[in-house]
Amino acid sequence: MCRNIRTLHNFEPHATSEEVHAAALQYVRKISGSTKPSKANQEAFDDAVHEIAHITQHLLDALVTQAPPKDREAEAAKAKARAAVRYGAA
């Protein structure tokens, strides 16, 4: 599950609210040990995702860097190349 949480800081264009929500969802899934909560836990699960996404957006908005913004396509190509080496694909 954790491999699905991607770096969201210092990209151009900035991370979307959907990307922030997806990262929060993956985080809550990981720490709860559940990809789909029971009906009894659904509200707590959804509240946690909402709160974590909110705080994550505040963090991203507050971070500063001197580094130039990363290019999403270039970073995706690097990740694909690393995966190919890791899993032996050509």
N, C-alpha and C. Protein backbone atom coordinates (compact mmCIF):
# COMPACT_ATOMS: atom_id res chain seq x y z
N MET A 1 0.80 -1.20 0.00
CA MET A 1 0.00 0.00 0.00
C MET A 1 0.84 1.27 0.00
N CYS A 2 1.93 1.31 0.75
CA CYS A 2 2.69 2.55 0.89
C CYS A 2 3.32 3.02 -0.40
N ARG A 3 3.61 2.12 -1.31
CA ARG A 3 4.22 2.55 -2.56
C ARG A 3 3.30 3.45 -3.36
N ASN A 4 2.02 3.44 -3.05
CA ASN A 4 1.07 4.28 -3.77
C ASN A 4 1.06 5.72 -3.27
N ILE A 5 1.70 5.98 -2.15
CA ILE A 5 1.78 7.35 -1.66
C ILE A 5 2.97 8.00 -2.37
N ARG A 6 2.70 9.02 -3.13
CA ARG A 6 3.71 9.69 -3.94
C ARG A 6 4.08 11.03 -3.33
N THR A 7 5.30 11.46 -3.63
CA THR A 7 5.73 12.79 -3.23
C THR A 7 4.85 13.80 -3.95
N LEU A 8 4.35 14.77 -3.21
CA LEU A 8 3.46 15.77 -3.78
C LEU A 8 4.06 17.17 -3.78
N HIS A 9 5.17 17.34 -3.10
CA HIS A 9 5.78 18.67 -2.96
C HIS A 9 6.69 18.99 -4.14
N ASN A 10 6.68 20.22 -4.54
CA ASN A 10 7.59 20.81 -5.53
C ASN A 10 7.39 20.24 -6.93
N PHE A 11 6.15 20.13 -7.33
CA PHE A 11 5.84 19.75 -8.71
C PHE A 11 5.16 20.90 -9.41
N GLU A 12 5.34 20.97 -10.68
CA GLU A 12 4.65 21.94 -11.50
C GLU A 12 3.89 21.17 -12.57
N PRO A 13 2.57 21.24 -12.64
CA PRO A 13 1.70 22.02 -11.76
C PRO A 13 1.61 21.40 -10.37
N HIS A 14 1.13 22.19 -9.43
CA HIS A 14 1.01 21.75 -8.04
C HIS A 14 0.08 20.54 -7.92
N ALA A 15 0.24 19.82 -6.82
CA ALA A 15 -0.61 18.66 -6.56
C ALA A 15 -2.08 19.08 -6.55
N THR A 16 -2.90 18.24 -7.13
CA THR A 16 -4.34 18.51 -7.16
C THR A 16 -4.97 18.03 -5.85
N SER A 17 -6.19 18.47 -5.60
CA SER A 17 -6.90 18.01 -4.42
C SER A 17 -7.16 16.51 -4.50
N GLU A 18 -7.32 15.98 -5.72
CA GLU A 18 -7.50 14.54 -5.89
C GLU A 18 -6.25 13.76 -5.50
N GLU A 19 -5.08 14.29 -5.84
CA GLU A 19 -3.82 13.64 -5.45
C GLU A 19 -3.63 13.67 -3.94
N VAL A 20 -3.96 14.79 -3.33
CA VAL A 20 -3.85 14.92 -1.88
C VAL A 20 -4.81 13.95 -1.21
N HIS A 21 -6.03 13.86 -1.70
CA HIS A 21 -7.02 12.93 -1.14
C HIS A 21 -6.56 11.49 -1.30
N ALA A 22 -6.01 11.14 -2.46
CA ALA A 22 -5.55 9.77 -2.70
C ALA A 22 -4.42 9.40 -1.73
N ALA A 23 -3.51 10.33 -1.47
CA ALA A 23 -2.42 10.07 -0.53
C ALA A 23 -2.98 9.88 0.88
N ALA A 24 -3.94 10.72 1.27
CA ALA A 24 -4.56 10.60 2.59
C ALA A 24 -5.29 9.26 2.72
N LEU A 25 -5.98 8.86 1.67
CA LEU A 25 -6.69 7.58 1.68
C LEU A 25 -5.71 6.42 1.85
N GLN A 26 -4.61 6.44 1.12
CA GLN A 26 -3.62 5.38 1.23
C GLN A 26 -3.02 5.34 2.64
N TYR A 27 -2.77 6.51 3.21
CA TYR A 27 -2.23 6.58 4.57
C TYR A 27 -3.21 5.96 5.58
N VAL A 28 -4.47 6.34 5.50
CA VAL A 28 -5.48 5.81 6.43
C VAL A 28 -5.65 4.31 6.24
N ARG A 29 -5.64 3.86 5.00
CA ARG A 29 -5.72 2.42 4.75
C ARG A 29 -4.55 1.69 5.39
N LYS A 30 -3.37 2.25 5.26
CA LYS A 30 -2.17 1.59 5.80
C LYS A 30 -2.23 1.52 7.32
N ILE A 31 -2.49 2.65 7.97
CA ILE A 31 -2.44 2.62 9.43
C ILE A 31 -3.62 1.89 10.06
N SER A 32 -4.76 1.84 9.33
CA SER A 32 -5.91 1.11 9.87
C SER A 32 -5.84 -0.38 9.55
N GLY A 33 -5.03 -0.73 8.56
CA GLY A 33 -4.92 -2.13 8.16
C GLY A 33 -6.13 -2.60 7.37
N SER A 34 -6.87 -1.65 6.82
CA SER A 34 -8.10 -1.99 6.12
C SER A 34 -8.23 -1.16 4.85
N THR A 35 -8.51 -1.83 3.74
CA THR A 35 -8.75 -1.08 2.51
C THR A 35 -10.20 -0.66 2.41
N LYS A 36 -11.07 -1.38 3.08
CA LYS A 36 -12.50 -1.07 3.09
C LYS A 36 -13.01 -1.26 4.52
N PRO A 37 -13.31 -0.16 5.19
CA PRO A 37 -13.76 -0.29 6.58
C PRO A 37 -15.15 -0.88 6.68
N SER A 38 -15.46 -1.43 7.84
CA SER A 38 -16.81 -1.93 8.09
C SER A 38 -17.77 -0.75 8.16
N LYS A 39 -19.05 -1.03 8.08
CA LYS A 39 -20.05 0.04 8.19
C LYS A 39 -19.91 0.79 9.51
N ALA A 40 -19.56 0.06 10.56
CA ALA A 40 -19.42 0.68 11.89
C ALA A 40 -18.25 1.66 11.93
N ASN A 41 -17.24 1.44 11.09
CA ASN A 41 -16.05 2.28 11.09
C ASN A 41 -15.99 3.26 9.92
N GLN A 42 -16.95 3.21 9.03
CA GLN A 42 -16.90 4.03 7.81
C GLN A 42 -16.80 5.52 8.11
N GLU A 43 -17.60 6.01 9.04
CA GLU A 43 -17.58 7.44 9.34
C GLU A 43 -16.22 7.87 9.90
N ALA A 44 -15.66 7.10 10.83
CA ALA A 44 -14.35 7.43 11.38
C ALA A 44 -13.28 7.39 10.30
N PHE A 45 -13.36 6.41 9.42
CA PHE A 45 -12.41 6.25 8.31
C PHE A 45 -12.49 7.48 7.39
N ASP A 46 -13.71 7.84 6.98
CA ASP A 46 -13.91 8.99 6.10
C ASP A 46 -13.47 10.29 6.75
N ASP A 47 -13.77 10.45 8.04
CA ASP A 47 -13.35 11.65 8.76
C ASP A 47 -11.82 11.75 8.79
N ALA A 48 -11.16 10.63 9.03
CA ALA A 48 -9.69 10.63 9.07
C ALA A 48 -9.11 11.00 7.72
N VAL A 49 -9.65 10.45 6.65
CA VAL A 49 -9.16 10.79 5.30
C VAL A 49 -9.33 12.28 5.06
N HIS A 50 -10.49 12.81 5.40
CA HIS A 50 -10.76 14.24 5.20
C HIS A 50 -9.77 15.11 5.99
N GLU A 51 -9.59 14.79 7.26
CA GLU A 51 -8.69 15.58 8.11
C GLU A 51 -7.24 15.50 7.63
N ILE A 52 -6.80 14.32 7.28
CA ILE A 52 -5.41 14.15 6.82
C ILE A 52 -5.20 14.87 5.49
N ALA A 53 -6.16 14.81 4.60
CA ALA A 53 -6.05 15.54 3.33
C ALA A 53 -5.97 17.04 3.59
N HIS A 54 -6.78 17.52 4.52
CA HIS A 54 -6.79 18.94 4.87
C HIS A 54 -5.42 19.37 5.41
N ILE A 55 -4.89 18.63 6.36
CA ILE A 55 -3.59 18.95 6.95
C ILE A 55 -2.47 18.82 5.92
N THR A 56 -2.58 17.81 5.06
CA THR A 56 -1.57 17.62 4.01
C THR A 56 -1.54 18.83 3.09
N GLN A 57 -2.71 19.33 2.72
CA GLN A 57 -2.75 20.51 1.85
C GLN A 57 -2.12 21.71 2.54
N HIS A 58 -2.38 21.89 3.83
CA HIS A 58 -1.74 22.98 4.58
C HIS A 58 -0.23 22.82 4.57
N LEU A 59 0.25 21.60 4.77
CA LEU A 59 1.69 21.35 4.74
C LEU A 59 2.26 21.72 3.38
N LEU A 60 1.66 21.23 2.32
CA LEU A 60 2.17 21.51 0.98
C LEU A 60 2.17 23.01 0.69
N ASP A 61 1.15 23.71 1.15
CA ASP A 61 1.08 25.15 0.94
C ASP A 61 2.16 25.90 1.72
N ALA A 62 2.59 25.36 2.85
CA ALA A 62 3.56 26.04 3.70
C ALA A 62 5.02 25.72 3.36
N LEU A 63 5.27 24.60 2.70
CA LEU A 63 6.64 24.22 2.39
C LEU A 63 7.27 25.17 1.38
N VAL A 64 8.55 25.45 1.57
CA VAL A 64 9.30 26.27 0.63
C VAL A 64 10.55 25.52 0.21
N THR A 65 11.04 25.85 -0.96
CA THR A 65 12.26 25.21 -1.45
C THR A 65 12.95 26.14 -2.44
N GLN A 66 14.25 25.98 -2.56
CA GLN A 66 15.03 26.72 -3.55
C GLN A 66 15.20 25.89 -4.82
N ALA A 67 14.86 24.60 -4.74
CA ALA A 67 15.03 23.71 -5.88
C ALA A 67 13.99 24.03 -6.96
N PRO A 68 14.38 23.83 -8.21
CA PRO A 68 13.39 24.05 -9.27
C PRO A 68 12.29 23.00 -9.20
N PRO A 69 11.10 23.34 -9.64
CA PRO A 69 10.00 22.37 -9.61
C PRO A 69 10.32 21.14 -10.45
N LYS A 70 9.84 19.99 -9.98
CA LYS A 70 10.04 18.74 -10.72
C LYS A 70 8.99 18.63 -11.81
N ASP A 71 9.37 17.93 -12.86
CA ASP A 71 8.46 17.68 -13.97
C ASP A 71 7.79 16.33 -13.76
N ARG A 72 6.47 16.30 -13.77
CA ARG A 72 5.72 15.07 -13.50
C ARG A 72 6.06 13.96 -14.49
N GLU A 73 6.15 14.29 -15.76
CA GLU A 73 6.43 13.27 -16.77
C GLU A 73 7.84 12.69 -16.60
N ALA A 74 8.81 13.54 -16.31
CA ALA A 74 10.18 13.07 -16.10
C ALA A 74 10.26 12.18 -14.86
N GLU A 75 9.58 12.57 -13.79
CA GLU A 75 9.59 11.77 -12.57
C GLU A 75 8.88 10.43 -12.79
N ALA A 76 7.80 10.43 -13.56
CA ALA A 76 7.09 9.19 -13.87
C ALA A 76 7.97 8.25 -14.70
N ALA A 77 8.73 8.81 -15.63
CA ALA A 77 9.64 7.99 -16.45
C ALA A 77 10.73 7.37 -15.58
N LYS A 78 11.27 8.15 -14.64
CA LYS A 78 12.29 7.62 -13.72
C LYS A 78 11.71 6.49 -12.88
N ALA A 79 10.50 6.67 -12.37
CA ALA A 79 9.86 5.63 -11.55
C ALA A 79 9.62 4.37 -12.37
N LYS A 80 9.22 4.54 -13.60
CA LYS A 80 8.99 3.38 -14.48
C LYS A 80 10.29 2.63 -14.74
N ALA A 81 11.37 3.37 -14.94
CA ALA A 81 12.68 2.74 -15.16
C ALA A 81 13.14 1.99 -13.91
N ARG A 82 12.91 2.58 -12.73
CA ARG A 82 13.29 1.90 -11.48
C ARG A 82 12.48 0.63 -11.30
N ALA A 83 11.19 0.70 -11.63
CA ALA A 83 10.33 -0.48 -11.50
C ALA A 83 10.77 -1.57 -12.46
N ALA A 84 11.18 -1.20 -13.65
CA ALA A 84 11.64 -2.18 -14.64
C ALA A 84 12.88 -2.90 -14.13
N VAL A 85 13.79 -2.18 -13.50
CA VAL A 85 14.99 -2.80 -12.94
C VAL A 85 14.62 -3.69 -11.77
N ARG A 86 13.72 -3.18 -10.90
CA ARG A 86 13.34 -3.91 -9.70
C ARG A 86 12.61 -5.21 -10.05
N TYR A 87 11.76 -5.18 -11.04
CA TYR A 87 10.96 -6.36 -11.37
C TYR A 87 11.47 -7.12 -12.59
N GLY A 88 12.59 -6.69 -13.13
CA GLY A 88 13.23 -7.42 -14.21
C GLY A 88 12.53 -7.29 -15.55
N ALA A 89 11.67 -6.30 -15.69
CA ALA A 89 11.01 -6.09 -16.98
C ALA A 89 11.93 -5.31 -17.90
N ALA A 90 11.76 -5.51 -19.18
CA ALA A 90 12.60 -4.79 -20.14
C ALA A 90 11.85 -3.70 -20.83
